[in-house]
């Protein structure tokens, strides 16, 4: 007979999130709409200008994500939504 010993191990993962239906989610969405509306898309001609515009959009999202998100810890007791 073979016995395998399994130790209890506490695994904790953390991630950044914006809570659904929170004030932060509303602020994030409103700020995103405002900032994306300010991106000049009238002169997108060719790959390079399109790439710059997409990078600008991505940097806006990343910046706002870090402003409005909060760090949460995921444990084995967290709800799986």
N, C-alpha and C. Protein backbone atom coordinates (compact mmCIF):
# COMPACT_ATOMS: atom_id res chain seq x y z
N UNK A 1 0.84 -1.17 0.00
CA UNK A 1 0.00 0.00 0.00
C UNK A 1 0.89 1.24 0.00
N UNK A 2 0.53 2.23 -0.79
CA UNK A 2 1.30 3.47 -0.88
C UNK A 2 0.47 4.59 -0.27
N UNK A 3 1.13 5.37 0.58
CA UNK A 3 0.47 6.52 1.20
C UNK A 3 1.07 7.80 0.63
N UNK A 4 0.21 8.69 0.27
CA UNK A 4 0.66 10.01 -0.20
C UNK A 4 0.20 11.03 0.82
N UNK A 5 1.15 11.73 1.36
CA UNK A 5 0.83 12.75 2.36
C UNK A 5 0.59 14.07 1.64
N UNK A 6 -0.57 14.62 1.89
CA UNK A 6 -0.93 15.91 1.29
C UNK A 6 -1.04 16.92 2.42
N UNK A 7 -0.18 17.89 2.38
CA UNK A 7 -0.18 18.93 3.41
C UNK A 7 -1.21 19.99 3.06
N UNK A 8 -1.78 20.56 4.10
CA UNK A 8 -2.64 21.71 3.88
C UNK A 8 -1.75 22.88 3.51
N UNK A 9 -2.08 23.54 2.46
CA UNK A 9 -1.26 24.65 2.02
C UNK A 9 -2.16 25.85 1.76
N UNK A 10 -1.76 26.98 2.27
CA UNK A 10 -2.51 28.21 2.08
C UNK A 10 -1.98 28.90 0.83
N UNK A 11 -2.80 28.95 -0.18
CA UNK A 11 -2.42 29.60 -1.43
C UNK A 11 -3.25 30.87 -1.55
N UNK A 12 -2.55 31.96 -1.70
CA UNK A 12 -3.24 33.24 -1.80
C UNK A 12 -2.76 33.94 -3.07
N UNK A 13 -3.69 34.31 -3.88
CA UNK A 13 -3.37 35.01 -5.10
C UNK A 13 -3.99 36.39 -5.02
N UNK A 14 -3.31 37.37 -5.56
CA UNK A 14 -3.86 38.70 -5.55
C UNK A 14 -3.98 39.22 -6.98
N UNK A 15 -4.96 40.06 -7.19
CA UNK A 15 -5.14 40.66 -8.50
C UNK A 15 -5.79 42.02 -8.33
N UNK A 16 -5.72 42.82 -9.37
CA UNK A 16 -6.39 44.11 -9.37
C UNK A 16 -7.76 43.94 -10.01
N UNK A 17 -8.75 44.55 -9.42
CA UNK A 17 -10.10 44.44 -9.95
C UNK A 17 -10.88 45.71 -9.66
N UNK A 18 -11.92 45.90 -10.43
CA UNK A 18 -12.88 46.96 -10.17
C UNK A 18 -14.20 46.25 -9.86
N UNK A 19 -14.74 46.53 -8.70
CA UNK A 19 -15.96 45.85 -8.26
C UNK A 19 -17.14 46.28 -9.14
N UNK A 20 -17.89 45.28 -9.61
CA UNK A 20 -19.04 45.52 -10.46
C UNK A 20 -20.06 46.39 -9.73
N UNK A 21 -20.62 47.36 -10.45
CA UNK A 21 -21.65 48.29 -9.95
C UNK A 21 -21.15 49.19 -8.81
N UNK A 22 -19.85 49.39 -8.72
CA UNK A 22 -19.30 50.26 -7.69
C UNK A 22 -19.12 51.68 -8.24
N UNK A 23 -18.85 52.62 -7.33
CA UNK A 23 -18.55 53.98 -7.75
C UNK A 23 -17.32 54.01 -8.64
N UNK A 24 -16.33 53.19 -8.30
CA UNK A 24 -15.10 53.14 -9.08
C UNK A 24 -15.38 52.71 -10.51
N UNK A 25 -16.31 51.76 -10.70
CA UNK A 25 -16.65 51.31 -12.04
C UNK A 25 -17.28 52.45 -12.84
N UNK A 26 -18.14 53.20 -12.21
CA UNK A 26 -18.78 54.34 -12.88
C UNK A 26 -17.73 55.40 -13.23
N UNK A 27 -16.85 55.72 -12.28
CA UNK A 27 -15.80 56.71 -12.54
C UNK A 27 -14.87 56.23 -13.66
N UNK A 28 -14.51 54.96 -13.63
CA UNK A 28 -13.65 54.38 -14.66
C UNK A 28 -14.29 54.54 -16.03
N UNK A 29 -15.55 54.14 -16.15
CA UNK A 29 -16.24 54.21 -17.44
C UNK A 29 -16.38 55.64 -17.93
N UNK A 30 -16.76 56.55 -17.04
CA UNK A 30 -16.92 57.95 -17.44
C UNK A 30 -15.60 58.58 -17.85
N UNK A 31 -14.55 58.30 -17.09
CA UNK A 31 -13.23 58.84 -17.42
C UNK A 31 -12.72 58.25 -18.73
N UNK A 32 -12.96 56.97 -18.95
CA UNK A 32 -12.55 56.31 -20.19
C UNK A 32 -13.25 56.94 -21.39
N UNK A 33 -14.54 57.14 -21.29
CA UNK A 33 -15.30 57.76 -22.37
C UNK A 33 -14.76 59.16 -22.67
N UNK A 34 -14.50 59.90 -21.62
CA UNK A 34 -13.99 61.26 -21.79
C UNK A 34 -12.62 61.27 -22.47
N UNK A 35 -11.71 60.44 -21.99
CA UNK A 35 -10.35 60.45 -22.54
C UNK A 35 -10.28 59.86 -23.94
N UNK A 36 -11.06 58.82 -24.21
CA UNK A 36 -11.05 58.23 -25.55
C UNK A 36 -11.65 59.22 -26.55
N UNK A 37 -12.62 59.99 -26.09
CA UNK A 37 -13.21 61.01 -26.96
C UNK A 37 -12.23 62.08 -27.37
N UNK A 38 -11.15 62.25 -26.62
CA UNK A 38 -10.13 63.25 -26.93
C UNK A 38 -9.03 62.74 -27.86
N UNK A 39 -9.06 61.46 -28.21
CA UNK A 39 -8.05 60.92 -29.12
C UNK A 39 -8.39 61.39 -30.53
N UNK A 40 -7.40 61.96 -31.19
CA UNK A 40 -7.59 62.45 -32.56
C UNK A 40 -7.50 61.28 -33.54
N UNK A 41 -8.63 60.96 -34.16
CA UNK A 41 -8.66 59.86 -35.12
C UNK A 41 -8.88 60.36 -36.55
N UNK A 42 -8.80 61.66 -36.74
CA UNK A 42 -9.05 62.22 -38.08
C UNK A 42 -7.90 61.98 -39.04
N UNK A 43 -6.71 61.76 -38.54
CA UNK A 43 -5.54 61.61 -39.41
C UNK A 43 -4.95 60.21 -39.38
N UNK A 44 -5.79 59.20 -39.22
CA UNK A 44 -5.29 57.83 -39.23
C UNK A 44 -5.17 57.37 -40.68
N UNK A 45 -3.93 57.35 -41.16
CA UNK A 45 -3.66 56.89 -42.53
C UNK A 45 -2.48 55.93 -42.45
N UNK A 46 -2.75 54.70 -42.65
CA UNK A 46 -1.67 53.71 -42.65
C UNK A 46 -1.47 53.05 -41.31
N UNK A 47 -0.60 52.08 -41.34
CA UNK A 47 -0.36 51.22 -40.20
C UNK A 47 0.25 51.97 -39.02
N UNK A 48 1.22 52.83 -39.26
CA UNK A 48 1.93 53.49 -38.17
C UNK A 48 1.01 54.38 -37.34
N UNK A 49 0.19 55.18 -37.99
CA UNK A 49 -0.70 56.05 -37.22
C UNK A 49 -1.79 55.25 -36.51
N UNK A 50 -2.24 54.17 -37.14
CA UNK A 50 -3.22 53.31 -36.49
C UNK A 50 -2.60 52.66 -35.25
N UNK A 51 -1.37 52.18 -35.39
CA UNK A 51 -0.69 51.55 -34.27
C UNK A 51 -0.50 52.54 -33.11
N UNK A 52 -0.11 53.77 -33.41
CA UNK A 52 0.05 54.79 -32.37
C UNK A 52 -1.27 55.08 -31.66
N UNK A 53 -2.35 55.12 -32.41
CA UNK A 53 -3.67 55.38 -31.84
C UNK A 53 -4.10 54.24 -30.93
N UNK A 54 -3.88 53.02 -31.36
CA UNK A 54 -4.24 51.85 -30.54
C UNK A 54 -3.39 51.81 -29.28
N UNK A 55 -2.11 52.14 -29.38
CA UNK A 55 -1.24 52.18 -28.20
C UNK A 55 -1.70 53.27 -27.23
N UNK A 56 -2.13 54.40 -27.75
CA UNK A 56 -2.64 55.48 -26.91
C UNK A 56 -3.89 55.00 -26.16
N UNK A 57 -4.79 54.34 -26.88
CA UNK A 57 -6.00 53.79 -26.27
C UNK A 57 -5.65 52.80 -25.16
N UNK A 58 -4.70 51.91 -25.43
CA UNK A 58 -4.29 50.91 -24.44
C UNK A 58 -3.66 51.58 -23.22
N UNK A 59 -2.87 52.61 -23.43
CA UNK A 59 -2.24 53.29 -22.29
C UNK A 59 -3.27 54.02 -21.44
N UNK A 60 -4.31 54.55 -22.06
CA UNK A 60 -5.40 55.19 -21.31
C UNK A 60 -6.09 54.16 -20.42
N UNK A 61 -6.42 53.01 -20.98
CA UNK A 61 -7.09 51.96 -20.22
C UNK A 61 -6.21 51.51 -19.06
N UNK A 62 -4.93 51.28 -19.34
CA UNK A 62 -4.01 50.83 -18.29
C UNK A 62 -3.90 51.86 -17.17
N UNK A 63 -3.76 53.13 -17.53
CA UNK A 63 -3.64 54.19 -16.53
C UNK A 63 -4.90 54.27 -15.66
N UNK A 64 -6.06 54.24 -16.29
CA UNK A 64 -7.31 54.32 -15.53
C UNK A 64 -7.53 53.07 -14.68
N UNK A 65 -7.11 51.92 -15.19
CA UNK A 65 -7.26 50.68 -14.42
C UNK A 65 -6.52 50.80 -13.10
N UNK A 66 -5.29 51.32 -13.16
CA UNK A 66 -4.50 51.44 -11.92
C UNK A 66 -5.03 52.53 -11.00
N UNK A 67 -5.72 53.50 -11.56
CA UNK A 67 -6.32 54.56 -10.73
C UNK A 67 -7.53 54.03 -9.97
N UNK A 68 -8.41 53.31 -10.67
CA UNK A 68 -9.72 52.94 -10.09
C UNK A 68 -9.80 51.51 -9.55
N UNK A 69 -8.83 50.67 -9.84
CA UNK A 69 -8.92 49.30 -9.34
C UNK A 69 -8.33 49.20 -7.94
N UNK A 70 -8.65 48.10 -7.30
CA UNK A 70 -8.06 47.84 -5.99
C UNK A 70 -7.57 46.40 -5.96
N UNK A 71 -6.63 46.16 -5.09
CA UNK A 71 -6.05 44.83 -4.99
C UNK A 71 -6.92 43.97 -4.09
N UNK A 72 -7.28 42.80 -4.59
CA UNK A 72 -8.05 41.84 -3.80
C UNK A 72 -7.26 40.54 -3.74
N UNK A 73 -7.50 39.79 -2.70
CA UNK A 73 -6.83 38.51 -2.50
C UNK A 73 -7.81 37.39 -2.79
N UNK A 74 -7.38 36.46 -3.61
CA UNK A 74 -8.19 35.30 -3.97
C UNK A 74 -7.70 34.13 -3.10
N UNK A 75 -8.63 33.53 -2.38
CA UNK A 75 -8.29 32.37 -1.56
C UNK A 75 -9.23 31.23 -1.93
N UNK A 76 -9.01 30.11 -1.32
CA UNK A 76 -9.89 28.98 -1.62
C UNK A 76 -11.30 29.22 -1.09
N UNK A 77 -11.47 30.22 -0.26
CA UNK A 77 -12.80 30.54 0.27
C UNK A 77 -13.50 31.64 -0.50
N UNK A 78 -12.83 32.22 -1.49
CA UNK A 78 -13.45 33.28 -2.30
C UNK A 78 -14.57 32.70 -3.14
N UNK A 79 -15.56 33.55 -3.41
CA UNK A 79 -16.66 33.10 -4.25
C UNK A 79 -16.19 33.02 -5.70
N UNK A 80 -16.63 32.02 -6.39
CA UNK A 80 -16.34 31.87 -7.81
C UNK A 80 -17.50 32.45 -8.59
N UNK A 81 -17.32 33.61 -9.16
CA UNK A 81 -18.42 34.27 -9.88
C UNK A 81 -18.38 33.83 -11.30
